N, C-alpha and C. Protein backbone atom coordinates (compact mmCIF):
# COMPACT_ATOMS: atom_id res chain seq x y z
N MET A 1 0.84 -1.24 0.02
CA MET A 1 0.02 0.10 -0.04
C MET A 1 0.96 1.37 0.00
N SER A 2 1.92 1.14 0.65
CA SER A 2 2.80 2.44 0.77
C SER A 2 3.63 2.50 -0.48
N LYS A 3 3.83 1.42 -1.15
CA LYS A 3 4.47 1.75 -2.46
C LYS A 3 3.39 2.47 -3.40
N PHE A 4 2.15 1.94 -3.38
CA PHE A 4 1.09 2.60 -4.05
C PHE A 4 1.17 4.19 -3.87
N PHE A 5 1.26 4.53 -2.74
CA PHE A 5 1.26 6.11 -2.42
C PHE A 5 2.58 6.69 -2.83
N VAL A 6 3.69 6.07 -2.75
CA VAL A 6 4.94 6.66 -3.22
C VAL A 6 4.87 7.00 -4.71
N ILE A 7 4.28 6.11 -5.53
CA ILE A 7 4.16 6.05 -7.09
C ILE A 7 3.20 7.06 -7.36
N LEU A 8 2.32 7.02 -6.61
CA LEU A 8 1.08 8.04 -6.99
C LEU A 8 1.63 9.60 -6.48
N LEU A 9 2.57 9.66 -5.54
CA LEU A 9 3.23 10.87 -5.27
C LEU A 9 4.07 11.29 -6.27
N ILE A 10 4.92 10.51 -6.64
CA ILE A 10 5.97 10.57 -7.92
C ILE A 10 5.26 11.23 -9.18
N ILE A 11 4.17 10.37 -9.59
CA ILE A 11 3.32 10.77 -10.73
C ILE A 11 2.74 12.02 -10.58
N SER A 12 2.02 12.48 -9.43
CA SER A 12 1.63 13.62 -9.26
C SER A 12 2.62 14.76 -9.33
N LEU A 13 3.76 14.53 -8.72
CA LEU A 13 4.76 15.59 -8.86
C LEU A 13 5.31 15.86 -10.20
N ILE A 14 5.36 14.74 -10.92
CA ILE A 14 5.87 14.97 -12.56
C ILE A 14 4.84 15.66 -13.13
N LEU A 15 3.47 15.41 -13.09
CA LEU A 15 2.55 16.23 -13.70
C LEU A 15 2.39 17.59 -13.23
N SER A 16 2.41 17.83 -11.92
CA SER A 16 2.39 19.22 -11.53
C SER A 16 3.76 20.00 -11.90
N THR A 17 4.97 19.45 -12.08
CA THR A 17 6.06 20.04 -12.61
C THR A 17 5.76 20.22 -14.12
N ALA A 18 5.30 19.31 -14.85
CA ALA A 18 4.99 19.67 -16.14
C ALA A 18 3.93 20.71 -16.43
N LEU A 19 3.00 20.71 -15.69
CA LEU A 19 1.92 21.81 -15.95
C LEU A 19 2.49 23.14 -15.38
N ILE A 20 3.44 23.32 -14.61
CA ILE A 20 3.92 24.46 -13.95
C ILE A 20 5.07 24.96 -15.16
N LYS A 21 5.90 24.03 -15.73
CA LYS A 21 6.80 24.46 -16.64
C LYS A 21 6.08 24.82 -17.95
N ASN A 22 5.11 24.22 -18.24
CA ASN A 22 4.17 24.63 -19.46
C ASN A 22 3.47 26.06 -19.40
N SER A 23 2.95 26.33 -18.13
CA SER A 23 2.42 27.82 -17.85
C SER A 23 3.60 28.82 -17.94
N THR A 24 4.65 28.37 -17.35
CA THR A 24 5.80 29.34 -17.07
C THR A 24 6.27 29.57 -18.68
N LYS A 25 6.48 28.70 -19.44
CA LYS A 25 6.83 29.00 -20.84
C LYS A 25 5.97 29.99 -21.47
N ARG A 26 4.72 29.54 -21.29
CA ARG A 26 3.54 30.43 -21.89
C ARG A 26 3.68 32.06 -21.40
N ILE A 27 4.00 31.99 -20.26
CA ILE A 27 4.07 33.49 -19.61
C ILE A 27 5.34 34.09 -20.26
N ASP A 28 6.62 33.40 -20.29
CA ASP A 28 7.67 33.88 -20.73
C ASP A 28 7.47 34.28 -22.34
N ASP A 29 6.73 33.58 -22.97
CA ASP A 29 6.52 33.88 -24.40
C ASP A 29 5.57 35.26 -24.59
N GLU A 30 4.63 35.29 -23.52
CA GLU A 30 3.68 36.50 -23.43
C GLU A 30 4.54 37.75 -23.04
N ILE A 31 5.63 37.51 -22.24
CA ILE A 31 6.40 38.71 -21.89
C ILE A 31 7.38 39.03 -23.08
N PHE A 32 7.86 38.03 -23.64
CA PHE A 32 8.62 38.53 -24.82
C PHE A 32 8.13 39.14 -26.01
N VAL A 33 6.64 38.94 -26.09
CA VAL A 33 6.16 39.69 -27.06
C VAL A 33 5.88 40.98 -26.69
N LEU A 34 5.39 41.12 -25.52
CA LEU A 34 5.16 42.44 -24.75
C LEU A 34 6.49 43.40 -24.80
N LYS A 35 7.54 42.76 -24.58
CA LYS A 35 8.91 43.59 -24.56
C LYS A 35 9.16 44.08 -25.99
N GLU A 36 8.87 43.14 -26.97
CA GLU A 36 9.04 43.72 -28.28
C GLU A 36 8.13 44.58 -28.79
N SER A 37 6.94 44.57 -28.42
CA SER A 37 5.99 45.71 -28.48
C SER A 37 6.21 46.99 -27.95
N VAL A 38 6.85 46.95 -26.86
CA VAL A 38 7.25 47.94 -26.13
C VAL A 38 8.57 48.62 -26.87
N ARG A 39 9.63 47.62 -27.11
CA ARG A 39 10.60 48.23 -27.69
C ARG A 39 10.40 49.00 -29.19
N SER A 40 9.24 48.54 -29.93
CA SER A 40 8.91 49.05 -31.13
C SER A 40 8.29 50.25 -30.81
N LEU A 41 7.43 50.47 -29.80
CA LEU A 41 6.69 51.55 -29.54
C LEU A 41 7.55 52.66 -28.98
N LYS A 42 8.65 52.22 -28.36
CA LYS A 42 9.60 53.32 -27.76
C LYS A 42 10.27 53.93 -29.04
N LYS A 43 10.70 53.04 -30.00
CA LYS A 43 11.26 53.59 -31.03
C LYS A 43 10.54 54.68 -31.86
N ASP A 44 9.39 54.41 -32.05
CA ASP A 44 8.12 55.27 -32.81
C ASP A 44 7.99 56.41 -31.78
N PHE A 45 8.16 56.34 -30.66
CA PHE A 45 7.88 57.32 -29.76
C PHE A 45 8.94 58.58 -29.73
N GLU A 46 10.30 58.02 -29.74
CA GLU A 46 11.61 58.68 -29.88
C GLU A 46 11.54 59.21 -31.30
N ASP A 47 11.04 58.66 -32.25
CA ASP A 47 10.91 59.34 -33.68
C ASP A 47 10.02 60.50 -33.57
N ILE A 48 8.81 60.11 -33.29
CA ILE A 48 7.89 61.11 -33.16
C ILE A 48 8.23 62.43 -32.06
N LYS A 49 8.89 62.01 -31.10
CA LYS A 49 9.28 63.19 -30.28
C LYS A 49 10.37 64.09 -30.76
N LEU A 50 11.28 63.31 -31.62
CA LEU A 50 12.18 64.19 -32.28
C LEU A 50 11.53 65.05 -33.25
N GLU A 51 10.82 64.38 -33.97
CA GLU A 51 10.16 65.30 -35.20
C GLU A 51 9.27 66.43 -34.51
N HIS A 52 8.47 66.14 -33.45
CA HIS A 52 7.83 67.10 -32.79
C HIS A 52 8.74 68.23 -32.19
N ASP A 53 9.67 67.88 -31.69
CA ASP A 53 10.50 69.00 -31.11
C ASP A 53 11.16 69.68 -32.17
N TYR A 54 11.48 69.03 -33.18
CA TYR A 54 12.01 69.77 -34.33
C TYR A 54 11.15 70.83 -34.94
N LEU A 55 10.03 70.40 -35.16
CA LEU A 55 8.95 71.14 -36.02
C LEU A 55 8.38 72.10 -35.11
N SER A 56 8.29 71.87 -33.91
CA SER A 56 7.65 72.90 -32.98
C SER A 56 8.56 73.97 -32.45
N SER A 57 9.46 74.10 -32.55
CA SER A 57 10.52 75.06 -32.03
C SER A 57 10.12 76.28 -32.58
N ALA A 58 10.35 77.26 -31.62
CA ALA A 58 9.88 78.66 -32.26
C ALA A 58 10.64 79.19 -33.39
N GLU A 59 11.91 78.65 -33.48
CA GLU A 59 12.73 79.15 -34.71
C GLU A 59 12.38 78.47 -35.92
N LYS A 60 11.90 77.23 -35.75
CA LYS A 60 11.42 76.56 -36.92
C LYS A 60 9.77 76.99 -37.48
N LEU A 61 9.27 77.35 -36.30
CA LEU A 61 7.78 77.90 -36.79
C LEU A 61 7.98 79.21 -37.50
N LEU A 62 9.01 80.02 -37.10
CA LEU A 62 9.24 81.49 -37.53
C LEU A 62 9.65 81.04 -38.99
N GLU A 63 10.52 80.18 -39.13
CA GLU A 63 11.39 79.76 -40.44
C GLU A 63 10.21 79.40 -41.43
N PHE A 64 9.30 78.47 -40.92
CA PHE A 64 8.17 77.99 -41.91
C PHE A 64 7.09 78.88 -42.30
N GLN A 65 6.94 80.05 -41.15
CA GLN A 65 6.00 81.02 -41.61
C GLN A 65 6.61 81.79 -42.74
N ASN A 66 7.76 82.31 -42.49
CA ASN A 66 8.49 83.15 -43.50
C ASN A 66 8.61 82.32 -45.13
N LEU A 67 8.88 81.06 -44.86
CA LEU A 67 8.97 80.28 -46.12
C LEU A 67 7.84 80.09 -46.87
N TYR A 68 6.81 79.75 -46.11
CA TYR A 68 5.60 79.25 -46.84
C TYR A 68 4.37 80.31 -46.89
N PHE A 69 4.23 81.09 -45.63
CA PHE A 69 3.09 81.88 -45.56
C PHE A 69 3.35 83.44 -45.81
N GLU A 70 4.65 83.78 -45.58
CA GLU A 70 4.98 85.06 -45.69
C GLU A 70 4.17 86.13 -44.81
N ASN A 71 3.14 86.92 -45.35
CA ASN A 71 2.47 87.80 -44.53
C ASN A 71 1.03 87.20 -44.23
N LYS A 72 0.79 86.05 -44.67
CA LYS A 72 -0.69 85.61 -44.59
C LYS A 72 -1.00 85.30 -43.02
N LEU A 73 -0.10 84.93 -42.21
CA LEU A 73 -0.26 84.58 -40.78
C LEU A 73 -0.48 85.81 -39.94
N SER A 74 -1.45 86.06 -39.10
CA SER A 74 -1.63 87.17 -38.02
C SER A 74 -1.92 86.45 -36.62
N LYS A 75 -1.39 87.07 -35.63
CA LYS A 75 -1.70 86.66 -34.22
C LYS A 75 -3.34 87.02 -34.06
N LYS A 76 -3.68 85.98 -33.13
CA LYS A 76 -5.24 86.24 -32.59
C LYS A 76 -5.28 86.23 -31.18
N ASP A 77 -5.98 86.81 -30.72
CA ASP A 77 -6.06 86.64 -29.08
C ASP A 77 -6.90 85.36 -28.82
N ILE A 78 -6.59 84.61 -27.76
CA ILE A 78 -7.28 83.41 -27.56
C ILE A 78 -8.54 83.64 -27.06
N GLN A 79 -9.10 84.78 -26.76
CA GLN A 79 -10.53 85.06 -26.52
C GLN A 79 -11.48 85.12 -27.64
N GLU A 80 -10.65 85.34 -28.81
CA GLU A 80 -11.53 85.29 -30.14
C GLU A 80 -11.81 84.08 -30.84
N ILE A 81 -11.07 83.03 -30.34
CA ILE A 81 -11.18 81.79 -30.80
C ILE A 81 -12.66 81.10 -30.36
N LYS A 82 -13.39 80.71 -31.26
CA LYS A 82 -14.70 80.05 -30.82
C LYS A 82 -14.80 78.69 -31.19
N LYS A 83 -15.54 77.85 -30.82
CA LYS A 83 -15.82 76.48 -31.20
C LYS A 83 -17.28 76.28 -31.86
N ILE A 84 -17.17 75.82 -32.83
CA ILE A 84 -18.30 75.54 -33.74
C ILE A 84 -18.99 74.08 -33.73
N LYS A 85 -20.13 73.93 -33.55
CA LYS A 85 -20.61 72.74 -33.60
C LYS A 85 -21.88 72.53 -34.49
N LYS A 86 -22.09 71.42 -35.17
CA LYS A 86 -23.20 71.27 -35.88
C LYS A 86 -24.13 70.12 -35.37
N ILE A 87 -25.24 70.32 -34.62
CA ILE A 87 -26.05 69.35 -34.05
C ILE A 87 -27.49 69.14 -34.56
N LEU A 88 -27.56 68.12 -35.39
CA LEU A 88 -29.02 67.96 -36.00
C LEU A 88 -29.43 69.30 -36.98
N GLY A 89 -28.39 69.56 -37.62
CA GLY A 89 -28.71 70.82 -38.55
C GLY A 89 -28.63 72.18 -37.99
N LYS A 90 -28.25 72.19 -36.70
CA LYS A 90 -28.36 73.54 -35.91
C LYS A 90 -26.76 73.74 -35.69
N ILE A 91 -26.41 75.08 -36.06
CA ILE A 91 -25.12 75.31 -35.53
C ILE A 91 -25.05 76.15 -34.29
N GLU A 92 -24.13 75.73 -33.51
CA GLU A 92 -23.91 76.12 -32.25
C GLU A 92 -22.56 76.63 -32.00
N ILE A 93 -22.31 78.02 -31.54
CA ILE A 93 -21.09 78.72 -31.27
C ILE A 93 -20.91 78.99 -30.06
N ASN A 94 -19.70 78.12 -29.51
CA ASN A 94 -19.43 78.39 -28.03
C ASN A 94 -18.06 78.96 -27.98
N GLN A 95 -17.76 79.58 -26.65
CA GLN A 95 -16.16 79.69 -26.19
C GLN A 95 -15.33 78.62 -26.38
N PHE A 96 -14.14 78.76 -26.82
CA PHE A 96 -13.27 77.76 -26.96
C PHE A 96 -12.47 77.67 -25.51
N ASN A 97 -12.50 76.52 -24.87
CA ASN A 97 -11.89 76.43 -23.59
C ASN A 97 -10.56 75.46 -24.06
N LEU A 98 -9.38 75.75 -23.16
CA LEU A 98 -8.11 75.11 -23.41
C LEU A 98 -8.17 73.72 -22.63
N ILE A 99 -9.00 73.61 -21.73
CA ILE A 99 -9.26 72.40 -20.81
C ILE A 99 -10.58 71.87 -21.06
N ASN A 100 -10.50 70.49 -21.31
CA ASN A 100 -11.94 69.64 -21.73
C ASN A 100 -12.54 69.72 -20.36
N GLU A 101 -13.70 70.03 -20.43
CA GLU A 101 -14.71 69.93 -19.15
C GLU A 101 -15.40 68.67 -19.19
């Protein structure tokens, strides 16, 4: 009877080890996929950040204004900017807010 329990214990340990090993391998695969995703997104982020920093610098904006628009651009007061919505055929004009409410 004790041999039966020892054999049963060994078989259950082997099965539990196999299950744990398979689940660990699956989790490792998921981690690898997520890390690759993050690496790709970081690269895209760095490229977009560089582009944004380069294009939105004050000197570049002034250069683009002179190059493409010459005297067509003018400064506006923030209070003059309005928000226009068209709902069910009706046009609604509201004050523009910088913070979404």
